[in-house]
């Protein structure tokens, strides 16, 4: 009988890998909470209509990438391809926007049926940050500054760079879209296949094409900045002033667009050249019209999302994972002999209670002292606490450092905790 394997593009995160995930998630959580953001936990399944109305029916995500199915009631449901739409649905449904501002963050799996490649999967994980009820460029700047601080904490600032742009108002985008389509229709035969398809459905995405010939054609395309409305100009200028005042380096990229229809005004991306062609590790922007688009009252909003797999890949490829990030235990309790195991459990519990987070492993399954020391070495433990029949009868243990040249020593039970702490 053939073995059942994981679905292509949906990967297991094994015990050897989880410590870096925990380190990354802990770092992000501590940072966003220090800025006053609160966690919200959202379902991974939503009504399909939510994504059609928010992302846009003519986007690649809705047209080709969503995991959509009918449940037993005949309702069309979709595994979430991104987090913003579900967050908007939640805050509106629970009355969190009435005369209130919200600063929220979430983490979890997203799903898109696209070609799996390095750092990009069909089930992938994101951390998202969303804010509601704040209109000015100051909150846009706060999000960008906060993400810049994250790169500092992770030690990867030198490997990422910031690109920003303004997509203006919906009216400005409509006028520019007409001008862009008019220009590109004169070059339609030279456009790549995806761009020709987008010309009638989502022409702004053509600006983001990676095809060299299409990019060459775009050199003479209308400049979006010439179509920007005054309010958006002032907003973008205010954002740039705040970033400059806080020492955040950036590049204004007039062709930066986002793949989702709901963005307007500020958009930004953090990109890297360390991961090949797919270089975006964090991206976001304003979506002031989305709450109203989904049935609520007009509410200013801005947020961003970062791909966990891609950032972990960046940490690993740049060797920025701290040495302390591992599954190694601190103390391995080696116990052999009659009546020893129960006392070994008691000593291990005392050690765990003596210091929060201390990792203590007690040998299970019996075995000789020699075989247990092999297990202790394999576990990466820094200290062994040794208990045999002689030690038990004398009320002592042997504390043996395993990773340094210090001598082992015999201590009374009540001195064990102090001796272990000294040896760590």
Protein backbone atom coordinates (compact mmCIF):
# COMPACT_ATOMS: atom_id res chain seq x y z
CA UNK A 1 0.00 0.00 0.00
CA UNK A 2 1.41 3.40 -1.02
CA UNK A 3 2.29 5.82 1.76
CA UNK A 4 0.19 8.95 2.08
CA UNK A 5 2.25 12.11 1.66
CA UNK A 6 1.62 15.80 2.31
CA UNK A 7 -0.17 17.78 -0.39
CA UNK A 8 2.29 19.49 -2.73
CA UNK A 9 3.15 22.96 -1.46
CA UNK A 10 1.83 22.26 2.06
CA UNK A 11 4.85 21.57 4.21
CA UNK A 12 5.42 20.09 7.63
CA UNK A 13 7.45 22.21 10.06
CA UNK A 14 9.55 19.61 11.87
CA UNK A 15 10.92 19.81 15.44
CA UNK A 16 14.37 20.77 14.16
CA UNK A 17 12.80 23.82 12.47
CA UNK A 18 10.28 24.98 15.05
CA UNK A 19 12.75 26.81 17.35
CA UNK A 20 13.47 29.44 14.67
CA UNK A 21 9.73 29.82 14.02
CA UNK A 22 9.18 30.35 17.74
CA UNK A 23 12.06 32.83 17.89
CA UNK A 24 10.71 34.80 14.93
CA UNK A 25 7.11 34.82 16.17
CA UNK A 26 8.20 35.80 19.69
CA UNK A 27 10.30 38.68 18.34
CA UNK A 28 7.41 40.01 16.26
CA UNK A 29 4.87 39.59 19.06
CA UNK A 30 7.03 41.46 21.58
CA UNK A 31 7.64 44.30 19.11
CA UNK A 32 4.06 44.90 17.96
CA UNK A 33 2.77 44.72 21.52
CA UNK A 34 5.35 47.32 22.56
CA UNK A 35 3.64 49.65 20.04
CA UNK A 36 0.24 49.01 21.61
CA UNK A 37 -1.14 46.54 19.04
CA UNK A 38 -3.56 43.85 20.24
CA UNK A 39 -3.87 40.32 18.89
CA UNK A 40 -6.99 39.17 17.03
CA UNK A 41 -7.50 35.53 16.01
CA UNK A 42 -9.50 34.90 12.86
CA UNK A 43 -11.06 31.84 11.13
CA UNK A 44 -9.15 30.32 8.24
CA UNK A 45 -12.42 29.72 6.32
CA UNK A 46 -14.64 32.60 5.17
CA UNK A 47 -17.49 33.04 2.74
CA UNK A 48 -16.14 33.17 -0.82
CA UNK A 49 -18.02 36.42 -1.45
CA UNK A 50 -15.82 38.18 1.12
CA UNK A 51 -12.74 37.74 -1.03
CA UNK A 52 -14.50 38.41 -4.34
CA UNK A 53 -15.76 41.75 -3.01
CA UNK A 54 -12.53 42.78 -1.30
CA UNK A 55 -9.66 41.43 -3.40
CA UNK A 56 -11.46 41.84 -6.73
CA UNK A 57 -12.94 39.21 -9.02
CA UNK A 58 -10.45 39.88 -11.81
CA UNK A 59 -7.31 39.43 -9.71
CA UNK A 60 -5.06 36.38 -10.08
CA UNK A 61 -5.91 35.33 -6.53
CA UNK A 62 -9.67 35.13 -7.08
CA UNK A 63 -9.49 33.89 -10.67
CA UNK A 64 -6.85 31.17 -10.28
CA UNK A 65 -5.48 30.69 -6.77
CA UNK A 66 -8.25 30.36 -4.17
CA UNK A 67 -9.15 27.06 -2.50
CA UNK A 68 -12.94 27.25 -2.80
CA UNK A 69 -15.51 24.55 -2.04
CA UNK A 70 -19.18 24.08 -1.21
CA UNK A 71 -20.07 22.85 2.26
CA UNK A 72 -22.98 20.51 3.06
CA UNK A 73 -25.41 23.42 3.04
CA UNK A 74 -24.35 24.41 -0.46
CA UNK A 75 -22.58 27.58 0.76
CA UNK A 76 -19.44 28.60 -1.12
CA UNK A 77 -16.52 28.80 1.31
CA UNK A 78 -12.86 29.64 0.77
CA UNK A 79 -9.65 29.00 2.69
CA UNK A 80 -8.36 32.51 3.31
CA UNK A 81 -5.76 33.63 0.72
CA UNK A 82 -4.86 36.71 2.81
CA UNK A 83 -5.75 38.18 6.19
CA UNK A 84 -6.97 41.75 5.69
CA UNK A 85 -10.44 40.95 4.36
CA UNK A 86 -11.21 38.63 7.28
CA UNK A 87 -9.94 41.20 9.77
CA UNK A 88 -12.20 43.88 8.25
CA UNK A 89 -15.13 41.46 8.37
CA UNK A 90 -14.43 40.73 12.05
CA UNK A 91 -14.09 44.31 13.29
CA UNK A 92 -17.22 45.38 11.41
CA UNK A 93 -19.24 42.37 12.54
CA UNK A 94 -18.34 42.91 16.20
CA UNK A 95 -18.93 46.68 16.24
CA UNK A 96 -15.28 47.57 16.83
CA UNK A 97 -15.24 50.58 14.49
CA UNK A 98 -17.98 52.83 15.89
CA UNK A 99 -16.21 55.97 17.17
CA UNK A 100 -13.13 53.86 17.85
CA UNK A 101 -9.64 53.35 16.53
CA UNK A 102 -8.16 49.86 16.41
CA UNK A 103 -4.57 48.63 16.23
CA UNK A 104 -4.55 44.88 15.64
CA UNK A 105 -2.24 42.04 14.63
CA UNK A 106 -2.76 38.39 13.73
CA UNK A 107 -0.77 35.37 12.63
CA UNK A 108 -1.60 32.12 10.88
CA UNK A 109 -1.78 30.08 7.68
CA UNK A 110 -3.02 31.39 4.32
CA UNK A 111 -3.77 29.34 1.21
CA UNK A 112 -3.18 29.96 -2.49
CA UNK A 113 -3.02 27.42 -5.28
CA UNK A 114 0.06 28.66 -7.10
CA UNK A 115 3.28 27.04 -8.27
CA UNK A 116 5.37 26.16 -5.20
CA UNK A 117 8.88 27.60 -5.24
CA UNK A 118 11.62 28.52 -2.82
CA UNK A 119 10.04 30.34 0.13
CA UNK A 120 6.57 30.35 -1.47
CA UNK A 121 4.05 27.59 -0.75
CA UNK A 122 0.37 26.76 -1.19
CA UNK A 123 -0.10 26.82 2.55
CA UNK A 124 2.04 29.67 3.83
CA UNK A 125 2.07 31.68 7.02
CA UNK A 126 1.76 35.40 7.54
CA UNK A 127 1.80 37.90 10.34
CA UNK A 128 -0.45 40.85 9.59
CA UNK A 129 -0.90 44.24 11.24
CA UNK A 130 -4.05 46.31 10.61
CA UNK A 131 -5.18 49.71 11.88
CA UNK A 132 -8.62 51.34 11.58
CA UNK A 133 -9.94 54.87 12.14
CA UNK A 134 -6.71 56.83 11.58
CA UNK A 135 -6.57 59.05 8.51
CA UNK A 136 -3.22 60.84 8.55
CA UNK A 137 0.21 59.82 7.28
CA UNK A 138 1.46 59.42 10.86
CA UNK A 139 -0.04 55.95 11.21
CA UNK A 140 1.40 54.94 7.82
CA UNK A 141 4.79 56.08 9.10
CA UNK A 142 4.36 54.21 12.39
CA UNK A 143 3.77 50.94 10.58
CA UNK A 144 6.82 51.41 8.38
CA UNK A 145 9.01 52.49 11.32
CA UNK A 146 7.79 49.49 13.34
CA UNK A 147 8.70 47.11 10.53
CA UNK A 148 12.12 48.77 10.23
CA UNK A 149 12.66 48.17 13.96
CA UNK A 150 11.80 44.51 13.45
CA UNK A 151 14.59 44.13 10.91
CA UNK A 152 16.94 45.69 13.48
CA UNK A 153 15.86 43.22 16.15
CA UNK A 154 16.34 40.32 13.74
CA UNK A 155 19.71 41.63 12.52
CA UNK A 156 18.71 41.79 8.83
CA UNK A 157 18.44 45.56 8.23
CA UNK A 158 21.33 45.51 5.75
CA UNK A 159 19.58 42.90 3.62
CA UNK A 160 16.23 44.65 3.10
CA UNK A 161 15.31 47.96 1.46
CA UNK A 162 12.11 49.96 1.45
CA UNK A 163 10.12 51.04 -1.62
CA UNK A 164 7.14 53.38 -1.30
CA UNK A 165 4.58 54.90 -3.63
CA UNK A 166 1.17 56.57 -3.63
CA UNK A 167 -1.72 55.14 -5.66
CA UNK A 168 -3.83 58.22 -5.03
CA UNK A 169 -7.61 58.38 -4.82
CA UNK A 170 -9.96 56.03 -6.65
CA UNK A 171 -10.78 58.83 -9.12
CA UNK A 172 -7.08 59.50 -9.78
CA UNK A 173 -6.53 55.80 -10.40
CA UNK A 174 -9.51 55.67 -12.77
CA UNK A 175 -8.17 58.55 -14.89
CA UNK A 176 -4.64 57.13 -14.88
CA UNK A 177 -5.92 53.65 -15.76
CA UNK A 178 -7.60 55.05 -18.87
CA UNK A 179 -4.40 56.83 -19.91
CA UNK A 180 -2.28 53.72 -19.29
CA UNK A 181 -4.63 51.45 -21.25
CA UNK A 182 -4.71 53.93 -24.12
CA UNK A 183 -0.92 53.89 -24.27
CA UNK A 184 -0.51 50.11 -23.93
CA UNK A 185 -3.14 49.31 -26.57
CA UNK A 186 -0.70 50.74 -29.08
CA UNK A 187 1.89 48.13 -28.00
CA UNK A 188 -0.35 45.16 -27.24
CA UNK A 189 1.51 42.74 -29.55
CA UNK A 190 4.78 43.31 -27.66
CA UNK A 191 3.31 42.72 -24.19
CA UNK A 192 3.78 39.41 -22.38
CA UNK A 193 0.80 37.07 -22.12
CA UNK A 194 -0.10 38.00 -18.52
CA UNK A 195 0.01 41.71 -19.32
CA UNK A 196 -2.25 41.29 -22.35
CA UNK A 197 -4.77 39.49 -20.15
CA UNK A 198 -4.55 42.20 -17.47
CA UNK A 199 -5.00 45.02 -19.98
CA UNK A 200 -8.77 44.68 -19.84
CA UNK A 201 -9.10 43.49 -16.25
CA UNK A 202 -6.41 44.93 -13.96
CA UNK A 203 -4.08 47.16 -16.02
CA UNK A 204 -2.22 48.68 -13.06
CA UNK A 205 -0.71 45.27 -12.36
CA UNK A 206 1.10 45.52 -15.70
CA UNK A 207 3.37 48.09 -14.05
CA UNK A 208 4.61 45.24 -11.85
CA UNK A 209 5.44 42.93 -14.78
CA UNK A 210 8.80 41.17 -14.59
CA UNK A 211 8.94 40.67 -18.37
CA UNK A 212 11.94 42.64 -19.78
CA UNK A 213 10.19 43.61 -23.03
CA UNK A 214 7.08 44.80 -21.18
CA UNK A 215 9.26 46.82 -18.83
CA UNK A 216 10.95 48.40 -21.85
CA UNK A 217 7.56 49.44 -23.23
CA UNK A 218 6.61 50.91 -19.86
CA UNK A 219 9.59 53.28 -19.99
CA UNK A 220 7.50 55.69 -22.06
CA UNK A 221 4.16 55.00 -20.37
CA UNK A 222 2.24 57.82 -18.64
CA UNK A 223 3.67 58.66 -15.22
CA UNK A 224 1.22 58.02 -12.40
CA UNK A 225 2.60 60.94 -10.40
CA UNK A 226 1.21 63.33 -13.05
CA UNK A 227 -2.31 62.07 -12.27
CA UNK A 228 -2.07 62.13 -8.48
CA UNK A 229 -4.77 64.16 -6.67
CA UNK A 230 -3.73 66.97 -4.33
CA UNK A 231 -4.92 65.28 -1.14
CA UNK A 232 -2.82 62.22 -1.91
CA UNK A 233 0.20 64.41 -2.75
CA UNK A 234 -0.03 66.11 0.64
CA UNK A 235 -0.47 62.76 2.41
CA UNK A 236 2.53 61.23 0.64
CA UNK A 237 4.66 64.29 1.34
CA UNK A 238 3.74 64.04 5.04
CA UNK A 239 4.69 60.37 5.11
CA UNK A 240 8.06 61.06 3.52
CA UNK A 241 8.78 63.85 6.01
CA UNK A 242 8.08 61.53 8.95
CA UNK A 243 10.26 58.77 7.49
CA UNK A 244 13.08 61.27 6.87
CA UNK A 245 12.83 62.60 10.43
CA UNK A 246 13.17 59.06 11.79
CA UNK A 247 16.12 58.09 9.62
CA UNK A 248 14.21 55.54 7.51
CA UNK A 249 15.83 55.18 4.12
CA UNK A 250 13.52 54.50 1.18
CA UNK A 251 13.16 54.65 -2.59
CA UNK A 252 10.09 56.14 -4.26
CA UNK A 253 9.10 53.55 -6.87
CA UNK A 254 6.41 55.07 -9.16
CA UNK A 255 5.61 51.61 -10.55
CA UNK A 256 5.00 49.99 -7.21
CA UNK A 257 1.45 48.62 -7.12
CA UNK A 258 -0.14 45.93 -5.00
CA UNK A 259 -1.83 42.79 -6.26
CA UNK A 260 -5.10 43.48 -4.44
CA UNK A 261 -7.75 45.93 -5.67
CA UNK A 262 -8.48 47.58 -2.33
CA UNK A 263 -5.26 49.62 -1.97
CA UNK A 264 -5.13 53.41 -2.41
CA UNK A 265 -2.77 56.23 -1.39
CA UNK A 266 0.25 54.78 0.46
CA UNK A 267 1.70 51.45 -0.65
CA UNK A 268 5.05 50.04 0.43
CA UNK A 269 7.22 46.96 0.14
CA UNK A 270 10.33 45.73 1.92
CA UNK A 271 12.42 43.81 -0.61
CA UNK A 272 15.63 41.80 -0.55
CA UNK A 273 18.07 40.55 -3.17
CA UNK A 274 19.01 37.52 -1.05
CA UNK A 275 16.11 35.25 -2.10
CA UNK A 276 16.19 35.33 -5.89
CA UNK A 277 13.53 36.90 -8.09
CA UNK A 278 10.74 36.76 -5.49
CA UNK A 279 12.24 39.44 -3.27
CA UNK A 280 9.30 40.90 -1.29
CA UNK A 281 9.28 39.92 2.40
CA UNK A 282 6.79 42.46 3.78
CA UNK A 283 4.23 44.68 2.05
CA UNK A 284 1.19 46.79 2.74
CA UNK A 285 -0.54 50.09 2.37
CA UNK A 286 -3.79 52.04 2.77
CA UNK A 287 -7.22 50.59 2.03
CA UNK A 288 -9.52 53.41 3.13
CA UNK A 289 -12.46 52.18 1.01
CA UNK A 290 -12.52 48.52 2.01
CA UNK A 291 -14.73 48.73 5.11
CA UNK A 292 -17.40 50.57 3.13
CA UNK A 293 -16.95 48.18 0.22
CA UNK A 294 -17.81 45.32 2.59
CA UNK A 295 -20.95 47.02 3.93
CA UNK A 296 -19.66 49.19 6.77
CA UNK A 297 -19.27 52.94 7.15
CA UNK A 298 -16.37 54.70 5.43
CA UNK A 299 -13.32 54.03 7.64
CA UNK A 300 -9.66 54.89 7.00
CA UNK A 301 -7.41 51.84 7.32
CA UNK A 302 -3.82 50.83 6.70
CA UNK A 303 -1.82 47.66 7.35
CA UNK A 304 0.85 45.27 6.20
CA UNK A 305 1.64 41.55 6.11
CA UNK A 306 4.89 39.63 6.17
CA UNK A 307 5.60 36.09 5.00
CA UNK A 308 7.02 33.97 7.80
CA UNK A 309 8.60 31.33 5.55
CA UNK A 310 10.37 33.94 3.45
CA UNK A 311 11.74 35.83 6.44
CA UNK A 312 12.93 32.64 8.11
CA UNK A 313 14.65 31.72 4.85
CA UNK A 314 16.29 35.15 4.88
CA UNK A 315 17.44 34.70 8.49
CA UNK A 316 18.95 31.32 7.62
CA UNK A 317 20.60 32.39 4.36
CA UNK A 318 22.23 35.41 6.02
CA UNK A 319 23.21 33.36 9.12
CA UNK A 320 21.28 35.64 11.46
CA UNK A 321 19.71 32.90 13.58
CA UNK A 322 21.06 33.30 17.14
CA UNK A 323 23.05 30.34 18.46
CA UNK A 324 20.67 30.15 21.41
CA UNK A 325 17.80 29.23 19.07
CA UNK A 326 17.70 25.44 19.25
CA UNK A 327 15.86 22.47 20.70
CA UNK A 328 18.77 21.68 23.02
CA UNK A 329 17.87 20.93 26.61
CA UNK A 330 19.64 22.52 29.56
CA UNK A 331 19.86 19.56 31.93
CA UNK A 332 19.70 15.80 31.32
CA UNK A 333 18.97 13.68 34.40
CA UNK A 334 20.82 10.35 34.14
CA UNK A 335 19.19 7.82 36.49
CA UNK A 336 19.80 4.08 36.85
CA UNK A 337 19.20 1.57 39.64
CA UNK A 338 16.47 0.31 41.95
CA UNK A 339 14.19 2.99 43.36
CA UNK A 340 16.01 5.78 41.54
CA UNK A 341 13.47 6.85 38.93
CA UNK A 342 10.88 8.34 41.29
CA UNK A 343 13.51 10.54 42.97
CA UNK A 344 14.92 11.54 39.57
CA UNK A 345 11.46 12.83 38.59
CA UNK A 346 11.26 14.83 41.82
CA UNK A 347 14.68 16.42 41.27
CA UNK A 348 13.79 17.26 37.66
CA UNK A 349 10.60 19.01 38.79
CA UNK A 350 12.58 21.05 41.33
CA UNK A 351 14.92 22.18 38.56
CA UNK A 352 12.09 23.15 36.21
CA UNK A 353 10.45 25.21 38.94
CA UNK A 354 13.71 26.90 39.87
CA UNK A 355 13.99 28.89 36.63
CA UNK A 356 11.29 29.74 34.10
CA UNK A 357 11.95 28.17 30.74
CA UNK A 358 14.62 25.73 31.93
CA UNK A 359 14.57 22.60 29.76
CA UNK A 360 15.10 19.45 31.82
CA UNK A 361 14.98 15.98 30.29
CA UNK A 362 14.74 12.83 32.42
CA UNK A 363 15.89 9.57 30.89
CA UNK A 364 12.95 7.31 30.06
CA UNK A 365 13.04 3.65 29.11
CA UNK A 366 15.90 2.51 31.32
CA UNK A 367 19.37 1.70 30.00
CA UNK A 368 22.91 1.72 31.29
CA UNK A 369 24.77 4.83 32.36
CA UNK A 370 26.77 4.62 29.11
CA UNK A 371 23.68 4.56 26.89
CA UNK A 372 22.09 7.39 28.88
CA UNK A 373 25.16 9.59 28.47
CA UNK A 374 24.90 9.04 24.71
CA UNK A 375 21.31 10.32 24.90
CA UNK A 376 22.44 13.29 27.00
CA UNK A 377 25.08 14.17 24.44
CA UNK A 378 22.62 13.86 21.55
CA UNK A 379 20.13 16.11 23.36
CA UNK A 380 22.66 18.94 23.43
CA UNK A 381 22.33 19.24 27.21
CA UNK A 382 24.91 21.45 28.88
CA UNK A 383 24.73 19.71 32.26
CA UNK A 384 24.02 16.17 33.43
CA UNK A 385 22.62 15.38 36.86
CA UNK A 386 23.60 11.81 37.73
CA UNK A 387 21.69 9.67 40.20
CA UNK A 388 22.47 6.00 40.93
CA UNK A 389 21.80 3.68 43.84
CA UNK A 390 24.92 4.83 45.74
CA UNK A 391 24.02 8.51 45.28
CA UNK A 392 20.44 7.84 46.35
CA UNK A 393 21.56 6.06 49.55
CA UNK A 394 23.89 8.98 50.40
CA UNK A 395 21.39 11.74 49.52
CA UNK A 396 23.65 13.23 46.81
CA UNK A 397 23.78 13.76 43.04
CA UNK A 398 26.70 14.30 40.68
CA UNK A 399 26.52 17.52 38.63
CA UNK A 400 28.59 17.09 35.47
CA UNK A 401 29.12 19.91 32.91
CA UNK A 402 28.99 18.39 29.41
CA UNK A 403 30.07 21.25 27.13
CA UNK A 404 33.02 22.79 28.98
CA UNK A 405 36.10 21.75 30.85
CA UNK A 406 34.75 22.23 34.38
CA UNK A 407 35.04 19.34 36.80
CA UNK A 408 32.05 17.32 37.93
CA UNK A 409 31.13 17.56 41.61
CA UNK A 410 29.07 15.71 44.14
CA UNK A 411 26.49 17.76 46.05
CA UNK A 412 23.67 17.15 48.51
CA UNK A 413 20.11 17.10 47.19
CA UNK A 414 19.36 20.51 48.72
CA UNK A 415 22.42 22.05 47.01
CA UNK A 416 21.65 20.60 43.57
CA UNK A 417 19.73 23.59 42.19
CA UNK A 418 22.49 26.07 43.08
CA UNK A 419 25.16 23.77 41.62
CA UNK A 420 23.25 23.31 38.34
CA UNK A 421 22.63 27.05 37.95
CA UNK A 422 26.35 27.70 38.45
CA UNK A 423 27.21 25.15 35.77
CA UNK A 424 24.82 26.49 33.10
